[in-house]
């Protein structure tokens, strides 16, 4: 199995069965991601050096306008897409195997966690994983220590309060907070359509 076959598998939402070829590929790919994140997180690197390492980690172009403050952690890297002017603060943890897309101008607060895999609920199949992508729109602001669970879509211009656990989609231009995150109010601004 190669990367394109694996991405086709997970991006279709197919189960990653414990002990299967995709499962083995995922574990091997994690070792590559861990080597790169260890390099990102060791010593001081200029912003340009961090971007070079992020390009290696993701296997794709990362715009020069992106800022990542280490330490940064991910277990895959190759299913992470970052828009322009994205800011990722210190100590963020991304589980991007199931796919994470972050839109232009979005701010990710320090210590935030984005997860895209669930384990099977059947105890006999607990090693099986169910991928489900996270999509974060443009100009979103995730406060510090936000957790976003698999399958969530956060609309353009939304704000997620610090410490929230986002278990459901968030409408554009709204503020949510709490555990689980609930609607607080509209932002009072309307994001332009693309």
N, C-alpha and C. Protein backbone atom coordinates (compact mmCIF):
# COMPACT_ATOMS: atom_id res chain seq x y z
N UNK A 1 0.85 -1.18 0.00
CA UNK A 1 0.00 0.00 0.00
C UNK A 1 0.90 1.24 0.00
N UNK A 2 0.52 2.23 -0.83
CA UNK A 2 1.26 3.48 -0.84
C UNK A 2 0.38 4.59 -0.26
N UNK A 3 0.95 5.79 -0.17
CA UNK A 3 0.25 6.89 0.46
C UNK A 3 -1.05 7.22 -0.25
N UNK A 4 -1.04 7.27 -1.57
CA UNK A 4 -2.27 7.62 -2.29
C UNK A 4 -3.37 6.58 -2.06
N UNK A 5 -3.01 5.31 -2.00
CA UNK A 5 -4.01 4.26 -1.72
C UNK A 5 -4.55 4.41 -0.30
N UNK A 6 -3.66 4.70 0.65
CA UNK A 6 -4.10 4.86 2.03
C UNK A 6 -5.04 6.06 2.16
N UNK A 7 -4.65 7.19 1.55
CA UNK A 7 -5.50 8.39 1.63
C UNK A 7 -6.85 8.14 0.97
N UNK A 8 -6.86 7.42 -0.14
CA UNK A 8 -8.14 7.07 -0.78
C UNK A 8 -9.00 6.25 0.18
N UNK A 9 -8.38 5.32 0.89
CA UNK A 9 -9.09 4.47 1.85
C UNK A 9 -9.70 5.31 2.97
N UNK A 10 -8.88 6.12 3.65
CA UNK A 10 -9.40 6.87 4.80
C UNK A 10 -10.32 8.00 4.38
N UNK A 11 -10.03 8.65 3.26
CA UNK A 11 -10.88 9.76 2.83
C UNK A 11 -12.24 9.29 2.34
N UNK A 12 -12.37 7.99 2.06
CA UNK A 12 -13.68 7.42 1.71
C UNK A 12 -14.48 7.09 2.97
N UNK A 13 -13.84 7.19 4.15
CA UNK A 13 -14.50 6.85 5.41
C UNK A 13 -14.45 5.37 5.75
N UNK A 14 -13.67 4.60 4.97
CA UNK A 14 -13.58 3.16 5.22
C UNK A 14 -12.89 2.87 6.55
N UNK A 15 -13.33 1.82 7.20
CA UNK A 15 -12.76 1.39 8.48
C UNK A 15 -11.30 1.00 8.28
N UNK A 16 -10.45 1.38 9.23
CA UNK A 16 -9.07 0.90 9.27
C UNK A 16 -9.08 -0.27 10.25
N UNK A 17 -9.13 -1.47 9.71
CA UNK A 17 -9.24 -2.66 10.57
C UNK A 17 -7.91 -2.93 11.26
N UNK A 18 -7.97 -3.21 12.57
CA UNK A 18 -6.78 -3.54 13.33
C UNK A 18 -6.05 -4.71 12.70
N UNK A 19 -4.75 -4.57 12.49
CA UNK A 19 -3.93 -5.64 11.92
C UNK A 19 -3.96 -5.70 10.40
N UNK A 20 -4.74 -4.84 9.77
CA UNK A 20 -4.85 -4.86 8.30
C UNK A 20 -3.67 -4.12 7.66
N UNK A 21 -3.59 -4.22 6.32
CA UNK A 21 -2.55 -3.49 5.60
C UNK A 21 -2.65 -1.98 5.83
N UNK A 22 -3.86 -1.37 5.75
CA UNK A 22 -3.94 0.06 6.04
C UNK A 22 -3.50 0.40 7.48
N UNK A 23 -3.81 -0.47 8.42
CA UNK A 23 -3.41 -0.26 9.81
C UNK A 23 -1.88 -0.25 9.92
N UNK A 24 -1.24 -1.20 9.27
CA UNK A 24 0.22 -1.26 9.28
C UNK A 24 0.84 -0.04 8.61
N UNK A 25 0.24 0.38 7.48
CA UNK A 25 0.73 1.57 6.79
C UNK A 25 0.64 2.79 7.70
N UNK A 26 -0.49 2.92 8.40
CA UNK A 26 -0.70 4.05 9.30
C UNK A 26 0.38 4.08 10.39
N UNK A 27 0.69 2.93 10.96
CA UNK A 27 1.70 2.88 12.02
C UNK A 27 3.09 3.22 11.49
N UNK A 28 3.42 2.74 10.29
CA UNK A 28 4.72 3.07 9.69
C UNK A 28 4.80 4.56 9.38
N UNK A 29 3.72 5.13 8.85
CA UNK A 29 3.69 6.56 8.52
C UNK A 29 3.83 7.40 9.78
N UNK A 30 3.30 6.91 10.90
CA UNK A 30 3.41 7.63 12.16
C UNK A 30 4.87 7.81 12.55
N UNK A 31 5.69 6.80 12.30
CA UNK A 31 7.11 6.91 12.66
C UNK A 31 7.78 8.04 11.89
N UNK A 32 7.43 8.19 10.61
CA UNK A 32 7.98 9.30 9.82
C UNK A 32 7.51 10.64 10.38
N UNK A 33 6.23 10.72 10.73
CA UNK A 33 5.70 11.96 11.30
C UNK A 33 6.37 12.28 12.63
N UNK A 34 6.60 11.26 13.46
CA UNK A 34 7.24 11.49 14.75
C UNK A 34 8.68 12.00 14.58
N UNK A 35 9.38 11.49 13.56
CA UNK A 35 10.75 11.99 13.31
C UNK A 35 10.72 13.47 12.96
N UNK A 36 9.77 13.85 12.10
CA UNK A 36 9.71 15.25 11.68
C UNK A 36 9.23 16.15 12.81
N UNK A 37 8.22 15.72 13.56
CA UNK A 37 7.76 16.57 14.68
C UNK A 37 8.84 16.66 15.76
N UNK A 38 9.62 15.61 15.95
CA UNK A 38 10.72 15.69 16.92
C UNK A 38 11.72 16.76 16.48
N UNK A 39 11.95 16.84 15.18
CA UNK A 39 12.86 17.87 14.67
C UNK A 39 12.26 19.27 14.85
N UNK A 40 10.97 19.40 14.56
CA UNK A 40 10.28 20.68 14.76
C UNK A 40 10.39 21.13 16.22
N UNK A 41 10.25 20.17 17.13
CA UNK A 41 10.13 20.48 18.56
C UNK A 41 11.46 20.49 19.32
N UNK A 42 12.56 20.25 18.63
CA UNK A 42 13.86 20.21 19.29
C UNK A 42 14.66 21.45 18.93
N UNK A 43 15.07 22.20 19.92
CA UNK A 43 15.87 23.39 19.68
C UNK A 43 15.04 24.50 19.06
N UNK A 44 15.72 25.56 18.66
CA UNK A 44 15.05 26.70 18.05
C UNK A 44 15.18 26.63 16.54
N UNK A 45 14.07 26.94 15.85
CA UNK A 45 14.08 27.02 14.39
C UNK A 45 13.44 28.35 14.00
N UNK A 46 13.98 28.96 12.99
CA UNK A 46 13.39 30.19 12.47
C UNK A 46 12.01 29.86 11.89
N UNK A 47 11.14 30.85 11.73
CA UNK A 47 9.84 30.59 11.10
C UNK A 47 9.98 29.93 9.73
N UNK A 48 10.96 30.33 8.95
CA UNK A 48 11.17 29.72 7.63
C UNK A 48 11.55 28.24 7.77
N UNK A 49 12.38 27.92 8.76
CA UNK A 49 12.76 26.52 8.98
C UNK A 49 11.56 25.69 9.42
N UNK A 50 10.72 26.27 10.28
CA UNK A 50 9.51 25.55 10.71
C UNK A 50 8.62 25.25 9.50
N UNK A 51 8.47 26.23 8.61
CA UNK A 51 7.66 26.01 7.41
C UNK A 51 8.24 24.91 6.53
N UNK A 52 9.55 24.88 6.38
CA UNK A 52 10.19 23.81 5.60
C UNK A 52 9.88 22.45 6.21
N UNK A 53 9.95 22.36 7.53
CA UNK A 53 9.63 21.10 8.21
C UNK A 53 8.15 20.75 8.09
N UNK A 54 7.28 21.76 8.14
CA UNK A 54 5.84 21.50 7.96
C UNK A 54 5.56 21.00 6.55
N UNK A 55 6.29 21.51 5.57
CA UNK A 55 6.12 21.01 4.19
C UNK A 55 6.55 19.55 4.09
N UNK A 56 7.65 19.21 4.76
CA UNK A 56 8.07 17.80 4.77
C UNK A 56 7.02 16.94 5.48
N UNK A 57 6.53 17.43 6.60
CA UNK A 57 5.55 16.69 7.39
C UNK A 57 4.27 16.42 6.59
N UNK A 58 3.76 17.44 5.91
CA UNK A 58 2.49 17.31 5.19
C UNK A 58 2.64 16.74 3.79
N UNK A 59 3.85 16.83 3.24
CA UNK A 59 4.07 16.36 1.88
C UNK A 59 3.43 17.25 0.83
N UNK A 60 3.15 18.49 1.21
CA UNK A 60 2.54 19.45 0.27
C UNK A 60 3.01 20.85 0.59
N UNK A 61 2.70 21.76 -0.31
CA UNK A 61 3.07 23.16 -0.10
C UNK A 61 2.32 23.72 1.11
N UNK A 62 3.02 24.45 1.95
CA UNK A 62 2.43 25.21 3.04
C UNK A 62 2.80 26.65 2.76
N UNK A 63 1.79 27.51 2.65
CA UNK A 63 2.02 28.89 2.27
C UNK A 63 2.94 29.60 3.25
N UNK A 64 3.75 30.52 2.73
CA UNK A 64 4.70 31.26 3.55
C UNK A 64 4.02 32.11 4.61
N UNK A 65 2.71 32.34 4.48
CA UNK A 65 1.97 33.14 5.45
C UNK A 65 1.55 32.35 6.69
N UNK A 66 1.73 31.02 6.67
CA UNK A 66 1.36 30.16 7.80
C UNK A 66 2.39 30.30 8.91
N UNK A 67 1.91 30.34 10.16
CA UNK A 67 2.79 30.39 11.33
C UNK A 67 2.45 29.24 12.26
N UNK A 68 3.46 28.48 12.63
CA UNK A 68 3.30 27.40 13.61
C UNK A 68 4.30 27.65 14.72
N UNK A 69 3.80 27.76 15.96
CA UNK A 69 4.66 27.90 17.13
C UNK A 69 4.85 26.52 17.75
N UNK A 70 6.06 25.96 17.73
CA UNK A 70 6.31 24.68 18.38
C UNK A 70 6.18 24.79 19.89
N UNK A 71 5.95 23.70 20.59
CA UNK A 71 5.88 22.37 20.01
C UNK A 71 4.56 22.11 19.29
N UNK A 72 4.64 21.26 18.28
CA UNK A 72 3.49 20.86 17.49
C UNK A 72 3.56 19.35 17.32
N UNK A 73 2.43 18.70 17.47
CA UNK A 73 2.40 17.23 17.42
C UNK A 73 1.35 16.75 16.42
N UNK A 74 1.71 15.73 15.66
CA UNK A 74 0.74 15.02 14.84
C UNK A 74 1.25 13.61 14.62
N UNK A 75 0.32 12.67 14.40
CA UNK A 75 0.72 11.29 14.23
C UNK A 75 0.71 10.86 12.78
N UNK A 76 0.43 11.78 11.84
CA UNK A 76 0.40 11.39 10.43
C UNK A 76 0.96 12.50 9.54
N UNK A 77 0.32 13.65 9.52
CA UNK A 77 0.82 14.79 8.78
C UNK A 77 0.39 14.87 7.34
N UNK A 78 0.27 13.73 6.67
CA UNK A 78 0.01 13.73 5.23
C UNK A 78 -1.45 13.96 4.85
N UNK A 79 -2.34 14.11 5.85
CA UNK A 79 -3.75 14.40 5.55
C UNK A 79 -4.15 15.71 6.23
N UNK A 80 -3.19 16.63 6.29
CA UNK A 80 -3.37 17.95 6.90
C UNK A 80 -3.24 19.00 5.80
N UNK A 81 -4.25 19.86 5.69
CA UNK A 81 -4.24 20.94 4.70
C UNK A 81 -4.43 22.26 5.42
N UNK A 82 -3.48 23.17 5.22
CA UNK A 82 -3.51 24.47 5.87
C UNK A 82 -3.70 25.57 4.83
N UNK A 83 -4.67 26.44 5.06
CA UNK A 83 -4.88 27.58 4.18
C UNK A 83 -3.84 28.66 4.43
N UNK A 84 -4.02 29.80 3.79
CA UNK A 84 -3.12 30.93 3.96
C UNK A 84 -3.42 31.64 5.28
N UNK A 85 -2.37 32.25 5.85
CA UNK A 85 -2.50 33.04 7.08
C UNK A 85 -3.08 32.26 8.27
N UNK A 86 -2.85 30.97 8.29
CA UNK A 86 -3.24 30.15 9.44
C UNK A 86 -2.19 30.34 10.53
N UNK A 87 -2.66 30.43 11.78
CA UNK A 87 -1.77 30.53 12.93
C UNK A 87 -2.08 29.39 13.88
N UNK A 88 -1.06 28.60 14.22
CA UNK A 88 -1.20 27.48 15.15
C UNK A 88 -0.29 27.77 16.33
N UNK A 89 -0.89 27.98 17.50
CA UNK A 89 -0.14 28.36 18.69
C UNK A 89 0.53 27.14 19.32
N UNK A 90 1.29 27.36 20.38
CA UNK A 90 2.13 26.32 20.98
C UNK A 90 1.31 25.17 21.55
N UNK A 91 1.90 23.98 21.45
CA UNK A 91 1.37 22.80 22.13
C UNK A 91 0.14 22.17 21.51
N UNK A 92 -0.12 22.41 20.23
CA UNK A 92 -1.30 21.81 19.60
C UNK A 92 -1.02 20.37 19.19
N UNK A 93 -2.09 19.55 19.22
CA UNK A 93 -2.01 18.13 18.89
C UNK A 93 -3.06 17.82 17.83
N UNK A 94 -2.60 17.42 16.65
CA UNK A 94 -3.50 17.09 15.55
C UNK A 94 -3.39 15.60 15.24
N UNK A 95 -4.53 14.94 15.20
CA UNK A 95 -4.58 13.55 14.74
C UNK A 95 -5.23 13.61 13.36
N UNK A 96 -4.40 13.80 12.33
CA UNK A 96 -4.93 14.12 11.01
C UNK A 96 -5.11 12.92 10.10
N UNK A 97 -4.96 11.71 10.57
CA UNK A 97 -5.09 10.55 9.70
C UNK A 97 -6.41 10.58 8.94
N UNK A 98 -7.49 10.95 9.61
CA UNK A 98 -8.80 11.01 8.96
C UNK A 98 -9.04 12.27 8.16
N UNK A 99 -8.12 13.23 8.20
CA UNK A 99 -8.21 14.44 7.40
C UNK A 99 -8.56 15.68 8.20
N UNK A 100 -7.68 16.68 8.16
CA UNK A 100 -7.94 17.98 8.78
C UNK A 100 -7.70 19.04 7.72
N UNK A 101 -8.69 19.90 7.52
CA UNK A 101 -8.56 21.05 6.63
C UNK A 101 -8.82 22.30 7.45
N UNK A 102 -7.90 23.25 7.37
CA UNK A 102 -8.02 24.51 8.12
C UNK A 102 -7.99 25.65 7.10
N UNK A 103 -9.05 26.46 7.10
CA UNK A 103 -9.21 27.52 6.12
C UNK A 103 -8.36 28.74 6.38
N UNK A 104 -8.28 29.57 5.36
CA UNK A 104 -7.49 30.81 5.41
C UNK A 104 -7.85 31.66 6.63
N UNK A 105 -6.81 32.24 7.24
CA UNK A 105 -7.01 33.21 8.31
C UNK A 105 -7.46 32.64 9.64
N UNK A 106 -7.41 31.33 9.79
CA UNK A 106 -7.88 30.71 11.04
C UNK A 106 -6.79 30.69 12.09
N UNK A 107 -7.19 30.91 13.35
CA UNK A 107 -6.30 30.91 14.50
C UNK A 107 -6.63 29.71 15.38
N UNK A 108 -5.61 28.91 15.70
CA UNK A 108 -5.78 27.74 16.57
C UNK A 108 -5.06 28.04 17.88
N UNK A 109 -5.82 28.14 18.98
CA UNK A 109 -5.26 28.48 20.27
C UNK A 109 -4.36 27.40 20.83
N UNK A 110 -3.46 27.83 21.72
CA UNK A 110 -2.47 26.89 22.27
C UNK A 110 -3.15 25.73 23.01
N UNK A 111 -2.50 24.57 22.87
CA UNK A 111 -2.97 23.37 23.54
C UNK A 111 -4.22 22.74 22.94
N UNK A 112 -4.62 23.16 21.75
CA UNK A 112 -5.83 22.59 21.15
C UNK A 112 -5.55 21.22 20.55
N UNK A 113 -6.59 20.38 20.55
CA UNK A 113 -6.50 19.01 20.05
C UNK A 113 -7.57 18.79 19.00
N UNK A 114 -7.15 18.32 17.83
CA UNK A 114 -8.08 17.97 16.75
C UNK A 114 -7.92 16.49 16.46
N UNK A 115 -9.01 15.73 16.60
CA UNK A 115 -8.94 14.27 16.44
C UNK A 115 -9.85 13.81 15.30
N UNK A 116 -9.36 12.87 14.49
CA UNK A 116 -10.13 12.43 13.32
C UNK A 116 -10.35 10.92 13.26
N UNK A 117 -10.02 10.22 14.32
CA UNK A 117 -10.23 8.77 14.36
C UNK A 117 -10.99 8.39 15.62
N UNK A 118 -11.99 7.54 15.45
CA UNK A 118 -12.66 6.91 16.58
C UNK A 118 -12.34 5.43 16.58
N UNK A 119 -12.25 4.82 17.75
CA UNK A 119 -12.15 3.36 17.81
C UNK A 119 -13.55 2.78 17.71
N UNK A 120 -13.64 1.57 17.22
CA UNK A 120 -14.93 0.88 17.09
C UNK A 120 -15.54 0.68 18.47
N UNK A 121 -16.86 0.82 18.58
CA UNK A 121 -17.50 0.66 19.89
C UNK A 121 -17.65 -0.80 20.30
N UNK A 122 -17.60 -1.72 19.33
CA UNK A 122 -17.67 -3.15 19.63
C UNK A 122 -16.35 -3.56 20.29
N UNK A 123 -16.38 -4.04 21.55
CA UNK A 123 -15.13 -4.39 22.24
C UNK A 123 -14.28 -5.39 21.48
N UNK A 124 -14.91 -6.28 20.71
CA UNK A 124 -14.16 -7.26 19.93
C UNK A 124 -13.48 -6.64 18.72
N UNK A 125 -13.86 -5.40 18.38
CA UNK A 125 -13.27 -4.71 17.22
C UNK A 125 -12.62 -3.39 17.65
N UNK A 126 -12.26 -3.27 18.91
CA UNK A 126 -11.76 -2.01 19.44
C UNK A 126 -10.51 -1.52 18.73
N UNK A 127 -9.72 -2.42 18.14
CA UNK A 127 -8.52 -2.00 17.40
C UNK A 127 -8.86 -1.37 16.05
N UNK A 128 -10.10 -1.56 15.59
CA UNK A 128 -10.53 -0.94 14.33
C UNK A 128 -10.75 0.55 14.54
N UNK A 129 -10.40 1.34 13.54
CA UNK A 129 -10.57 2.79 13.65
C UNK A 129 -11.46 3.31 12.53
N UNK A 130 -12.26 4.31 12.88
CA UNK A 130 -13.22 4.89 11.95
C UNK A 130 -12.80 6.33 11.66
N UNK A 131 -12.28 6.60 10.45
CA UNK A 131 -11.84 7.96 10.13
C UNK A 131 -13.01 8.88 9.79
N UNK A 132 -12.91 10.11 10.23
CA UNK A 132 -13.92 11.11 9.92
C UNK A 132 -13.26 12.49 9.97
N UNK A 133 -13.26 13.22 8.87
CA UNK A 133 -12.48 14.45 8.79
C UNK A 133 -13.04 15.60 9.62
N UNK A 134 -12.15 16.52 9.95
CA UNK A 134 -12.51 17.81 10.55
C UNK A 134 -12.27 18.87 9.48
N UNK A 135 -13.25 19.74 9.30
CA UNK A 135 -13.11 20.86 8.37
C UNK A 135 -13.37 22.14 9.16
N UNK A 136 -12.37 23.00 9.18
CA UNK A 136 -12.48 24.29 9.86
C UNK A 136 -12.43 25.36 8.77
N UNK A 137 -13.43 26.22 8.77
CA UNK A 137 -13.57 27.22 7.73
C UNK A 137 -12.55 28.35 7.82
N UNK A 138 -12.85 29.41 7.10
CA UNK A 138 -11.99 30.60 7.04
C UNK A 138 -12.25 31.51 8.25
N UNK A 139 -11.19 32.13 8.73
CA UNK A 139 -11.28 33.14 9.79
C UNK A 139 -11.97 32.64 11.05
N UNK A 140 -11.74 31.39 11.36
CA UNK A 140 -12.24 30.79 12.61
C UNK A 140 -11.21 31.06 13.70
N UNK A 141 -11.69 31.17 14.93
CA UNK A 141 -10.80 31.33 16.09
C UNK A 141 -11.16 30.25 17.10
N UNK A 142 -10.22 29.32 17.31
CA UNK A 142 -10.35 28.33 18.38
C UNK A 142 -9.56 28.87 19.56
N UNK A 143 -10.20 29.04 20.71
CA UNK A 143 -9.50 29.48 21.91
C UNK A 143 -8.55 28.42 22.41
N UNK A 144 -7.88 28.71 23.51
CA UNK A 144 -6.91 27.79 24.09
C UNK A 144 -7.58 26.50 24.54
N UNK A 145 -6.87 25.40 24.35
CA UNK A 145 -7.28 24.08 24.86
C UNK A 145 -8.64 23.62 24.37
N UNK A 146 -8.96 23.94 23.14
CA UNK A 146 -10.19 23.44 22.52
C UNK A 146 -9.94 22.02 22.02
N UNK A 147 -10.94 21.16 22.15
CA UNK A 147 -10.90 19.83 21.56
C UNK A 147 -12.00 19.73 20.51
N UNK A 148 -11.64 19.27 19.32
CA UNK A 148 -12.61 19.04 18.25
C UNK A 148 -12.57 17.56 17.92
N UNK A 149 -13.74 16.92 17.96
CA UNK A 149 -13.82 15.47 17.74
C UNK A 149 -14.04 15.16 16.26
N UNK A 150 -13.89 13.88 15.87
CA UNK A 150 -14.00 13.51 14.47
C UNK A 150 -15.34 13.90 13.84
N UNK A 151 -15.25 14.33 12.58
CA UNK A 151 -16.43 14.60 11.78
C UNK A 151 -17.04 15.97 11.91
N UNK A 152 -16.43 16.85 12.70
CA UNK A 152 -17.00 18.18 12.95
C UNK A 152 -16.61 19.16 11.84
N UNK A 153 -17.57 19.98 11.45
CA UNK A 153 -17.34 21.09 10.53
C UNK A 153 -17.59 22.38 11.29
N UNK A 154 -16.62 23.29 11.25
CA UNK A 154 -16.75 24.59 11.90
C UNK A 154 -16.82 25.64 10.80
N UNK A 155 -17.92 26.38 10.76
CA UNK A 155 -18.17 27.33 9.69
C UNK A 155 -17.31 28.57 9.76
N UNK A 156 -17.22 29.25 8.62
CA UNK A 156 -16.43 30.48 8.49
C UNK A 156 -16.81 31.48 9.58
N UNK A 157 -15.79 32.14 10.13
CA UNK A 157 -16.01 33.23 11.07
C UNK A 157 -16.44 32.82 12.46
N UNK A 158 -16.54 31.52 12.73
CA UNK A 158 -16.98 31.06 14.05
C UNK A 158 -15.88 31.25 15.09
N UNK A 159 -16.30 31.33 16.35
CA UNK A 159 -15.39 31.41 17.49
C UNK A 159 -15.75 30.28 18.46
N UNK A 160 -14.72 29.55 18.91
CA UNK A 160 -14.92 28.48 19.88
C UNK A 160 -14.19 28.88 21.15
N UNK A 161 -14.93 29.02 22.26
CA UNK A 161 -14.37 29.46 23.52
C UNK A 161 -13.34 28.51 24.09
N UNK A 162 -12.42 29.06 24.86
CA UNK A 162 -11.34 28.28 25.47
C UNK A 162 -11.91 27.11 26.27
N UNK A 163 -11.26 25.96 26.12
CA UNK A 163 -11.61 24.76 26.87
C UNK A 163 -12.83 24.02 26.36
N UNK A 164 -13.43 24.48 25.28
CA UNK A 164 -14.63 23.82 24.75
C UNK A 164 -14.29 22.47 24.14
N UNK A 165 -15.28 21.58 24.16
CA UNK A 165 -15.19 20.30 23.46
C UNK A 165 -16.27 20.32 22.39
N UNK A 166 -15.84 20.38 21.14
CA UNK A 166 -16.75 20.54 20.02
C UNK A 166 -17.13 19.16 19.49
N UNK A 167 -18.40 18.78 19.71
CA UNK A 167 -18.89 17.47 19.32
C UNK A 167 -19.89 17.53 18.17
N UNK A 168 -20.31 18.75 17.80
CA UNK A 168 -21.28 18.94 16.71
C UNK A 168 -20.80 20.07 15.82
N UNK A 169 -21.31 20.11 14.61
CA UNK A 169 -20.96 21.18 13.68
C UNK A 169 -21.28 22.54 14.30
N UNK A 170 -20.48 23.53 13.92
CA UNK A 170 -20.65 24.90 14.39
C UNK A 170 -21.02 25.76 13.19
N UNK A 171 -22.12 26.48 13.31
CA UNK A 171 -22.59 27.33 12.21
C UNK A 171 -21.63 28.49 11.99
N UNK A 172 -21.56 28.99 10.75
CA UNK A 172 -20.72 30.16 10.49
C UNK A 172 -21.13 31.34 11.37
N UNK A 173 -20.14 32.16 11.70
CA UNK A 173 -20.37 33.44 12.39
C UNK A 173 -21.13 33.30 13.71
N UNK A 174 -20.84 32.21 14.42
CA UNK A 174 -21.43 32.01 15.74
C UNK A 174 -20.33 31.78 16.76
N UNK A 175 -20.69 31.98 18.03
CA UNK A 175 -19.78 31.70 19.14
C UNK A 175 -20.35 30.51 19.91
N UNK A 176 -19.48 29.52 20.15
CA UNK A 176 -19.87 28.37 20.97
C UNK A 176 -18.86 28.24 22.10
N UNK A 177 -19.29 27.64 23.21
CA UNK A 177 -18.41 27.43 24.35
C UNK A 177 -18.98 26.31 25.21
N UNK A 178 -18.14 25.75 26.07
CA UNK A 178 -18.58 24.76 27.04
C UNK A 178 -18.23 23.34 26.67
N UNK A 179 -18.66 22.43 27.57
CA UNK A 179 -18.42 21.00 27.40
C UNK A 179 -19.74 20.28 27.60
N UNK A 180 -20.36 19.78 26.53
CA UNK A 180 -19.96 19.98 25.13
C UNK A 180 -20.26 21.41 24.70
N UNK A 181 -19.60 21.83 23.61
CA UNK A 181 -19.78 23.20 23.12
C UNK A 181 -21.22 23.44 22.70
N UNK A 182 -21.75 24.58 23.14
CA UNK A 182 -23.13 24.97 22.80
C UNK A 182 -23.13 26.40 22.28
N UNK A 183 -24.16 26.70 21.50
CA UNK A 183 -24.33 28.04 20.94
C UNK A 183 -24.42 29.06 22.07
N UNK A 184 -23.64 30.15 21.94
CA UNK A 184 -23.70 31.26 22.89
C UNK A 184 -24.43 32.42 22.25
N UNK A 185 -23.95 32.84 21.09
CA UNK A 185 -24.60 33.93 20.35
C UNK A 185 -23.96 34.05 18.98
N UNK A 186 -24.55 34.85 18.12
CA UNK A 186 -23.96 35.18 16.85
C UNK A 186 -22.81 36.17 17.07
N UNK A 187 -21.84 36.17 16.17
CA UNK A 187 -20.72 37.10 16.32
C UNK A 187 -21.12 38.54 15.99
N UNK A 188 -22.17 38.70 15.20
CA UNK A 188 -22.55 40.02 14.74
C UNK A 188 -21.88 40.43 13.44
N UNK A 189 -21.09 39.51 12.88
CA UNK A 189 -20.43 39.74 11.61
C UNK A 189 -20.88 38.66 10.63
N UNK A 190 -20.82 38.98 9.36
CA UNK A 190 -21.22 38.00 8.35
C UNK A 190 -20.02 37.73 7.44
N UNK A 191 -19.59 36.49 7.44
CA UNK A 191 -18.45 36.11 6.59
C UNK A 191 -18.86 36.19 5.13
N UNK A 192 -17.98 36.74 4.29
CA UNK A 192 -18.29 36.79 2.85
C UNK A 192 -18.32 35.39 2.26
N UNK A 193 -19.17 35.20 1.28
CA UNK A 193 -19.17 33.92 0.57
C UNK A 193 -18.00 33.90 -0.38
N UNK A 194 -17.48 32.72 -0.60
CA UNK A 194 -16.30 32.59 -1.46
C UNK A 194 -16.65 32.51 -2.90
